[in-house]
Amino acid sequence: MKKTILYLFTMLLLTGMIFNACDDPYDNQFIAEPTVNEQEPLQEINLVISVKSGVSPIKITQEQVASDSIALLTITSLPSLADTSAYMQYELQISAEADFSTYQVFEYSLNNNDFKVSAADLNEFLLAQNKEEVERDFYARVNAYVISGGTKVLKNSDAVFTIKATPYVKPLKPFTENTPKPYYIIGMADGNWNNSIDGVGVSIYPLNVIEGDHYTVEGTGTFTFTGYFWASRGFKLIRDIGNWDEQWGMRDGVYVHNDGGSSDIKVPADGYYTITLDSENNTLSIEPSDVSPTDYSEKGIGLIGEFTGWGTDIILSPSEDSNNHIWYTTYTFTNETMGKFREVDNWSINWGASFFPMGIGRQDGDNIPIAAGTYTIVFNDISGNYYFISK
């Protein structure tokens, strides 16, 4: 009984202590009233962009490609940023597809709220889709970003604008009106890489010009060459004698243009092949040829004319390993004169044309008008092509 009374007394004492411990310890302290902190202002940019009035349809001209820019889009409602330290940044995208599955980010200038692009860049983009001088649609959009401190927030990317345009296509003319810049095969002739004027005919020989409207005023266009190639001997194509900057090689089995890491081009088997190079559109093909050219190696090929009294031939040397179809020499003409290529001592086989310093000689063609000077002369007896290259 005494134990029970003692237990109850202890419980009451502990309960009292607990109630005492639950008194508010801050009952006599001052607590400040809550305040409302001012929030950062929202960036409401109110940006509206539209196609520049009167710009579509665009017909790009030669003069524009040379030096002009074209305004495509314009900001019709300027952004008003609540945060004065913030600023806008834009990205102009142009695509040939309305869904922008692929697109190109264009450099632009923002002048008087107009997004202006280089006419040359736009023309190049249009020609990459279709090289014809025909009207087509392309699509533009602008991504607008608000930049504030270290943050960059995209604010607008939904509007897609359709613009009609016709690119400028360079007029193509014959080689007699526009002077071509032919490419040269180097490495096949004697197996060496003598990239100099002294190497012409020895280590390098030119591709051929062809008849028809194929050349631009800059000298780009279509060149071809049919000749004998060895599978064991690699080669490249260069445009400028003494320079390697403009060239064609091969990488991973694909012909590549101006690739600094490219390897030599090689054919799969010995034989005749035809090279076709379009230097305007940068395409190259090399295909087997079934040509069976006449062999003139017994008598050789000569150059005859007023400078020899039409009596004797200047004998051309066969380019080593050209299978005796590329012939060359160096000669100085002291005066303007006329001449022809022929099989040595045989007027029944001759080539002539009325063009200089390059041309396509034909059987019984006109005499070649030759200007005074020293030239390395190259003649191809398969195609009749000839070059007089100044030294």
Protein backbone atom coordinates (compact mmCIF):
# COMPACT_ATOMS: atom_id res chain seq x y z
CA MET A 1 0.00 0.00 0.00
CA LYS A 2 2.82 2.38 0.84
CA LYS A 3 4.47 1.54 -2.48
CA THR A 4 1.29 2.43 -4.38
CA ILE A 5 0.96 5.80 -2.64
CA LEU A 6 4.64 6.54 -3.30
CA TYR A 7 4.19 5.71 -7.01
CA LEU A 8 1.17 8.01 -7.39
CA PHE A 9 3.00 10.83 -5.67
CA THR A 10 5.96 10.45 -8.00
CA MET A 11 3.72 10.54 -11.10
CA LEU A 12 1.99 13.72 -9.97
CA LEU A 13 5.35 15.36 -9.34
CA LEU A 14 6.60 14.46 -12.83
CA THR A 15 3.36 15.67 -14.46
CA GLY A 16 3.74 19.01 -12.76
CA MET A 17 7.29 19.33 -14.00
CA ILE A 18 6.13 18.57 -17.59
CA PHE A 19 3.39 21.21 -17.49
CA ASN A 20 5.92 23.65 -16.09
CA ALA A 21 8.37 22.84 -19.00
CA CYS A 22 5.69 23.64 -21.66
CA ASP A 23 5.46 27.32 -20.73
CA ASP A 24 6.21 29.65 -23.80
CA PRO A 25 9.84 30.73 -23.44
CA TYR A 26 9.24 33.69 -25.87
CA ASP A 27 6.16 34.95 -24.08
CA ASN A 28 7.88 38.19 -23.04
CA GLN A 29 9.79 38.82 -26.33
CA PHE A 30 8.89 41.28 -29.19
CA ILE A 31 8.14 39.72 -32.61
CA ALA A 32 8.20 41.93 -35.74
CA GLU A 33 5.20 42.05 -38.04
CA PRO A 34 5.65 40.21 -41.42
CA THR A 35 6.47 42.35 -44.48
CA VAL A 36 6.01 41.87 -48.28
CA ASN A 37 9.29 41.82 -50.28
CA GLU A 38 9.17 43.48 -53.76
CA GLN A 39 9.52 40.89 -56.56
CA GLU A 40 11.85 41.15 -59.57
CA PRO A 41 10.06 42.75 -62.56
CA LEU A 42 8.87 40.35 -65.28
CA GLN A 43 10.56 40.67 -68.71
CA GLU A 44 7.65 41.34 -71.03
CA ILE A 45 9.40 41.92 -74.35
CA ASN A 46 6.41 42.43 -76.68
CA LEU A 47 8.61 41.45 -79.64
CA VAL A 48 6.95 41.23 -83.06
CA ILE A 49 8.89 40.21 -86.19
CA SER A 50 7.58 40.05 -89.75
CA VAL A 51 8.85 39.69 -93.32
CA LYS A 52 10.30 42.97 -94.56
CA SER A 53 7.66 44.74 -96.61
CA GLY A 54 8.20 44.37 -100.35
CA VAL A 55 11.14 41.98 -100.05
CA SER A 56 9.35 38.82 -101.24
CA PRO A 57 9.69 37.64 -103.93
CA ILE A 58 13.46 38.21 -104.11
CA LYS A 59 15.35 38.03 -107.41
CA ILE A 60 19.04 38.16 -106.60
CA THR A 61 21.21 39.97 -109.13
CA GLN A 62 24.89 39.76 -110.05
CA GLU A 63 25.45 43.21 -108.53
CA GLN A 64 23.89 42.15 -105.23
CA VAL A 65 26.02 39.00 -105.06
CA ALA A 66 29.12 41.13 -105.61
CA SER A 67 28.64 43.53 -102.70
CA ASP A 68 25.10 43.90 -101.38
CA SER A 69 22.99 42.75 -98.46
CA ILE A 70 19.28 41.92 -98.38
CA ALA A 71 16.81 42.75 -95.58
CA LEU A 72 14.70 39.65 -94.95
CA LEU A 73 12.87 40.28 -91.67
CA THR A 74 12.11 43.33 -89.58
CA ILE A 75 11.20 44.02 -85.96
CA THR A 76 7.80 45.77 -86.06
CA SER A 77 7.38 45.98 -82.28
CA LEU A 78 10.49 46.70 -80.26
CA PRO A 79 11.12 44.82 -77.02
CA SER A 80 10.59 46.82 -73.81
CA LEU A 81 12.51 45.20 -71.01
CA ALA A 82 11.49 45.95 -67.42
CA ASP A 83 15.03 45.18 -66.29
CA THR A 84 17.12 47.98 -67.76
CA SER A 85 20.31 45.95 -67.37
CA ALA A 86 18.95 43.20 -69.64
CA TYR A 87 19.44 43.13 -73.41
CA MET A 88 18.29 41.11 -76.42
CA GLN A 89 20.23 38.64 -78.51
CA TYR A 90 18.97 37.09 -81.74
CA GLU A 91 19.72 34.02 -83.86
CA LEU A 92 18.55 34.00 -87.49
CA GLN A 93 17.86 30.55 -88.94
CA ILE A 94 17.11 29.79 -92.59
CA SER A 95 15.88 26.47 -93.94
CA ALA A 96 14.69 24.87 -97.16
CA GLU A 97 12.08 22.94 -95.14
CA ALA A 98 9.10 24.48 -93.39
CA ASP A 99 9.60 22.17 -90.40
CA PHE A 100 13.25 23.23 -90.03
CA SER A 101 14.39 19.59 -89.98
CA THR A 102 17.65 21.06 -91.22
CA TYR A 103 18.64 24.70 -91.15
CA GLN A 104 21.56 27.08 -91.37
CA VAL A 105 22.35 29.78 -88.82
CA PHE A 106 22.97 32.94 -90.85
CA GLU A 107 25.22 35.84 -90.03
CA TYR A 108 23.27 39.07 -90.14
CA SER A 109 23.41 42.76 -89.39
CA LEU A 110 20.57 44.52 -87.55
CA ASN A 111 20.10 47.91 -89.20
CA ASN A 112 17.03 50.04 -88.43
CA ASN A 113 15.38 46.94 -86.97
CA ASP A 114 15.98 44.99 -90.22
CA PHE A 115 17.72 41.61 -90.25
CA LYS A 116 20.07 41.92 -93.26
CA VAL A 117 22.05 39.02 -94.73
CA SER A 118 24.77 38.86 -97.35
CA ALA A 119 23.24 38.44 -100.82
CA ALA A 120 26.16 36.15 -101.72
CA ASP A 121 25.52 33.91 -98.68
CA LEU A 122 21.80 33.70 -99.41
CA ASN A 123 22.48 32.98 -103.09
CA GLU A 124 24.89 30.20 -102.17
CA PHE A 125 22.29 28.71 -99.81
CA LEU A 126 19.61 28.74 -102.52
CA LEU A 127 21.91 27.20 -105.14
CA ALA A 128 22.82 24.40 -102.71
CA GLN A 129 19.16 23.33 -102.84
CA ASN A 130 18.62 23.82 -106.57
CA LYS A 131 21.12 25.21 -109.08
CA GLU A 132 18.44 26.35 -111.53
CA GLU A 133 17.53 30.02 -111.88
CA VAL A 134 13.93 29.38 -110.79
CA GLU A 135 11.79 30.77 -107.99
CA ARG A 136 11.48 28.67 -104.84
CA ASP A 137 10.36 29.05 -101.19
CA PHE A 138 12.70 29.20 -98.25
CA TYR A 139 11.89 29.68 -94.58
CA ALA A 140 13.24 31.97 -91.88
CA ARG A 141 12.77 32.28 -88.14
CA VAL A 142 14.37 34.19 -85.30
CA ASN A 143 15.22 32.90 -81.86
CA ALA A 144 15.17 35.82 -79.42
CA TYR A 145 16.97 35.61 -76.10
CA VAL A 146 16.85 37.88 -73.06
CA ILE A 147 20.31 38.19 -71.51
CA SER A 148 20.45 39.38 -67.90
CA GLY A 149 23.45 38.80 -65.69
CA GLY A 150 24.39 35.17 -66.11
CA THR A 151 21.02 34.05 -67.44
CA LYS A 152 19.90 33.54 -71.06
CA VAL A 153 16.21 32.92 -71.62
CA LEU A 154 14.59 32.01 -74.94
CA LYS A 155 11.54 34.20 -75.50
CA ASN A 156 10.46 33.64 -79.09
CA SER A 157 10.98 30.82 -81.58
CA ASP A 158 7.55 29.94 -82.95
CA ALA A 159 7.01 32.26 -85.93
CA VAL A 160 8.14 30.79 -89.29
CA PHE A 161 8.24 33.11 -92.29
CA THR A 162 7.96 31.96 -95.90
CA ILE A 163 9.96 33.96 -98.46
CA LYS A 164 10.11 33.43 -102.22
CA ALA A 165 13.43 33.86 -103.99
CA THR A 166 15.18 33.31 -107.31
CA PRO A 167 18.98 32.91 -107.10
CA TYR A 168 21.49 34.45 -109.43
CA VAL A 169 23.12 31.84 -111.65
CA LYS A 170 26.36 32.78 -113.37
CA PRO A 171 25.96 32.75 -117.15
CA LEU A 172 28.03 30.05 -118.81
CA LYS A 173 29.88 30.80 -122.03
CA PRO A 174 32.32 28.96 -124.32
CA PHE A 175 36.01 28.88 -123.44
CA THR A 176 36.56 31.26 -126.34
CA GLU A 177 34.60 33.98 -124.48
CA ASN A 178 35.35 33.23 -120.82
CA THR A 179 38.95 32.20 -120.09
CA PRO A 180 38.89 28.88 -118.17
CA LYS A 181 41.20 27.97 -115.30
CA PRO A 182 41.97 24.34 -116.09
CA TYR A 183 43.10 21.78 -113.55
CA TYR A 184 46.23 19.66 -113.94
CA ILE A 185 46.95 16.01 -113.27
CA ILE A 186 50.08 15.73 -111.15
CA GLY A 187 51.90 12.54 -110.12
CA MET A 188 50.86 10.33 -113.04
CA ALA A 189 53.18 11.45 -115.85
CA ASP A 190 56.68 10.55 -114.64
CA GLY A 191 55.58 9.61 -111.13
CA ASN A 192 57.10 12.76 -109.68
CA TRP A 193 55.44 15.82 -108.17
CA ASN A 194 57.24 18.66 -109.96
CA ASN A 195 54.62 21.36 -109.42
CA SER A 196 56.27 24.09 -111.48
CA ILE A 197 56.16 25.47 -115.00
CA ASP A 198 59.18 23.26 -115.75
CA GLY A 199 57.12 20.25 -114.70
CA VAL A 200 54.44 20.82 -117.35
CA GLY A 201 54.45 17.85 -119.71
CA VAL A 202 57.03 16.10 -117.53
CA SER A 203 55.18 15.67 -114.23
CA ILE A 204 51.87 17.43 -114.85
CA TYR A 205 49.48 17.87 -117.77
CA PRO A 206 46.21 19.77 -118.08
CA LEU A 207 42.64 18.60 -118.24
CA ASN A 208 40.79 19.58 -121.39
CA VAL A 209 38.31 22.32 -122.13
CA ILE A 210 35.16 21.24 -123.96
CA GLU A 211 32.84 22.75 -126.55
CA GLY A 212 29.72 24.62 -125.49
CA ASP A 213 28.58 27.01 -122.76
CA HIS A 214 30.44 25.60 -119.77
CA TYR A 215 32.59 28.38 -118.25
CA THR A 216 31.95 31.30 -115.94
CA VAL A 217 33.64 34.66 -116.11
CA GLU A 218 35.81 33.54 -113.15
CA GLY A 219 37.10 30.60 -115.23
CA THR A 220 35.27 27.85 -113.39
CA GLY A 221 33.39 25.19 -115.32
CA THR A 222 33.61 21.67 -116.71
CA PHE A 223 36.90 20.03 -117.67
CA THR A 224 37.54 16.51 -118.86
CA PHE A 225 40.43 14.21 -119.63
CA THR A 226 40.66 10.75 -121.18
CA GLY A 227 43.96 8.96 -120.84
CA TYR A 228 45.83 5.93 -119.59
CA PHE A 229 46.25 5.46 -115.83
CA TRP A 230 48.24 3.00 -113.76
CA ALA A 231 46.68 1.51 -110.63
CA SER A 232 50.06 1.53 -108.89
CA ARG A 233 50.57 5.27 -109.36
CA GLY A 234 48.64 7.87 -107.38
CA PHE A 235 47.86 11.38 -108.55
CA LYS A 236 46.04 14.55 -107.57
CA LEU A 237 44.39 17.42 -109.42
CA ILE A 238 45.66 20.96 -108.94
CA ARG A 239 44.48 24.22 -110.49
CA ASP A 240 47.42 26.58 -110.10
CA ILE A 241 50.89 25.59 -111.26
CA GLY A 242 53.29 26.03 -108.34
CA ASN A 243 50.54 26.05 -105.72
CA TRP A 244 48.78 23.28 -103.77
CA ASP A 245 45.95 25.31 -102.24
CA GLU A 246 43.35 24.41 -104.86
CA GLN A 247 43.38 20.63 -105.26
CA TRP A 248 41.44 17.36 -105.36
CA GLY A 249 42.50 14.19 -103.55
CA MET A 250 40.91 11.17 -101.95
CA ARG A 251 39.92 10.31 -98.38
CA ASP A 252 38.28 7.03 -97.34
CA GLY A 253 37.46 6.19 -100.94
CA VAL A 254 35.76 9.53 -101.65
CA TYR A 255 37.07 12.37 -103.83
CA VAL A 256 37.61 15.43 -101.64
CA HIS A 257 38.20 19.07 -102.50
CA ASN A 258 40.83 21.11 -100.62
CA ASP A 259 41.12 18.55 -97.82
CA GLY A 260 44.54 19.06 -96.25
CA GLY A 261 44.66 15.44 -95.09
CA SER A 262 43.66 13.83 -98.38
CA SER A 263 45.66 11.04 -99.97
CA ASP A 264 46.41 10.42 -103.66
CA ILE A 265 43.70 9.37 -106.09
CA LYS A 266 44.18 5.88 -107.52
CA VAL A 267 42.28 3.90 -110.14
CA PRO A 268 41.37 0.26 -109.39
CA ALA A 269 43.13 -1.22 -112.46
CA ASP A 270 45.42 -0.16 -115.30
CA GLY A 271 43.57 1.24 -118.30
CA TYR A 272 41.92 4.21 -119.91
CA TYR A 273 39.74 6.43 -117.75
CA THR A 274 37.78 9.64 -118.24
CA ILE A 275 37.96 12.37 -115.61
CA THR A 276 35.11 14.90 -115.47
CA LEU A 277 35.58 17.85 -113.12
CA ASP A 278 33.03 20.62 -112.58
CA SER A 279 34.98 23.29 -110.74
CA GLU A 280 31.95 25.59 -110.47
CA ASN A 281 29.89 23.06 -108.52
CA ASN A 282 32.87 21.10 -107.12
CA THR A 283 32.01 17.66 -108.44
CA LEU A 284 34.45 15.04 -109.70
CA SER A 285 33.97 11.68 -111.38
CA ILE A 286 36.48 9.18 -112.79
CA GLU A 287 35.05 6.40 -114.95
CA PRO A 288 36.59 3.63 -117.12
CA SER A 289 36.71 4.48 -120.83
CA ASP A 290 36.51 2.14 -123.81
CA VAL A 291 38.46 4.51 -126.06
CA SER A 292 40.98 2.95 -128.48
CA PRO A 293 43.16 5.91 -129.50
CA THR A 294 45.55 5.91 -132.44
CA ASP A 295 49.20 5.40 -131.55
CA TYR A 296 51.39 8.11 -133.10
CA SER A 297 54.58 7.09 -131.34
CA GLU A 298 56.29 5.76 -134.48
CA LYS A 299 56.55 9.17 -136.19
CA GLY A 300 55.64 11.40 -133.27
CA ILE A 301 53.80 14.70 -133.15
CA GLY A 302 55.19 18.02 -134.39
CA LEU A 303 54.29 21.71 -134.52
CA ILE A 304 54.71 23.42 -137.87
CA GLY A 305 53.93 26.89 -139.20
CA GLU A 306 55.14 30.22 -140.46
CA PHE A 307 57.91 30.16 -137.85
CA THR A 308 59.47 27.19 -139.68
CA GLY A 309 58.45 28.25 -143.18
CA TRP A 310 55.84 25.46 -143.13
CA GLY A 311 58.67 23.12 -144.07
CA THR A 312 59.90 21.29 -140.96
CA ASP A 313 58.37 20.24 -137.65
CA ILE A 314 59.30 21.26 -134.16
CA ILE A 315 59.30 17.80 -132.59
CA LEU A 316 57.24 17.43 -129.37
CA SER A 317 58.34 14.98 -126.67
CA PRO A 318 55.93 12.30 -125.45
CA SER A 319 55.04 12.65 -121.79
CA GLU A 320 56.50 9.66 -119.95
CA ASP A 321 53.86 7.06 -119.07
CA SER A 322 51.10 8.99 -120.86
CA ASN A 323 50.98 6.01 -123.21
CA ASN A 324 52.25 8.42 -125.90
CA HIS A 325 49.14 10.60 -126.14
CA ILE A 326 50.38 13.72 -124.28
CA TRP A 327 53.09 15.68 -126.12
CA TYR A 328 55.01 18.76 -125.03
CA THR A 329 57.85 21.14 -125.80
CA THR A 330 59.09 24.62 -124.93
CA TYR A 331 59.54 27.12 -127.73
CA THR A 332 60.04 30.86 -128.21
CA PHE A 333 58.11 32.65 -130.94
CA THR A 334 59.79 35.93 -131.83
CA ASN A 335 56.78 37.30 -133.71
CA GLU A 336 53.08 36.75 -134.04
CA THR A 337 52.67 33.74 -136.27
CA MET A 338 50.46 30.84 -137.37
CA GLY A 339 50.84 27.12 -136.90
CA LYS A 340 49.35 23.64 -136.64
CA PHE A 341 49.97 20.32 -134.96
CA ARG A 342 50.45 17.28 -137.16
CA GLU A 343 51.94 13.82 -137.28
CA VAL A 344 55.57 14.50 -138.14
CA ASP A 345 56.05 14.88 -141.91
CA ASN A 346 52.44 13.90 -142.57
CA TRP A 347 49.89 16.56 -143.60
CA SER A 348 47.13 13.96 -143.88
CA ILE A 349 46.92 13.95 -140.07
CA ASN A 350 46.83 17.47 -138.63
CA TRP A 351 45.01 19.51 -135.99
CA GLY A 352 44.14 23.18 -136.08
CA ALA A 353 41.75 25.79 -134.64
CA SER A 354 41.42 29.56 -134.62
CA PHE A 355 41.87 29.95 -130.84
CA PHE A 356 44.82 30.83 -128.61
CA PRO A 357 46.32 30.15 -126.06
CA MET A 358 44.09 27.08 -125.67
CA GLY A 359 41.81 25.29 -128.04
CA ILE A 360 40.51 22.06 -129.50
CA GLY A 361 42.33 21.14 -132.68
CA ARG A 362 40.36 19.45 -135.45
CA GLN A 363 41.45 17.61 -138.58
CA ASP A 364 42.18 20.23 -141.26
CA GLY A 365 41.09 22.97 -138.87
CA ASP A 366 42.14 26.62 -139.06
CA ASN A 367 45.70 27.73 -138.45
CA ILE A 368 46.36 28.53 -134.79
CA PRO A 369 47.16 32.24 -134.24
CA ILE A 370 50.18 32.29 -131.90
CA ALA A 371 51.30 35.40 -130.02
CA ALA A 372 54.99 36.18 -129.61
CA GLY A 373 56.53 34.76 -126.44
CA THR A 374 58.05 31.72 -124.79
CA TYR A 375 55.64 28.91 -124.03
CA THR A 376 55.45 25.39 -122.72
CA ILE A 377 53.20 23.76 -125.31
CA VAL A 378 51.07 20.72 -124.46
CA PHE A 379 49.06 18.72 -127.00
CA ASN A 380 46.64 15.81 -126.41
CA ASP A 381 46.25 13.64 -129.51
CA ILE A 382 43.12 11.89 -128.15
CA SER A 383 41.04 15.05 -127.72
CA GLY A 384 42.96 17.50 -129.90
CA ASN A 385 43.27 19.89 -126.94
CA TYR A 386 46.30 22.16 -126.87
CA TYR A 387 47.70 24.73 -124.42
CA PHE A 388 50.34 27.42 -124.86
CA ILE A 389 51.41 28.19 -121.27
CA SER A 390 53.59 31.28 -120.83
CA LYS A 391 56.93 30.76 -119.12
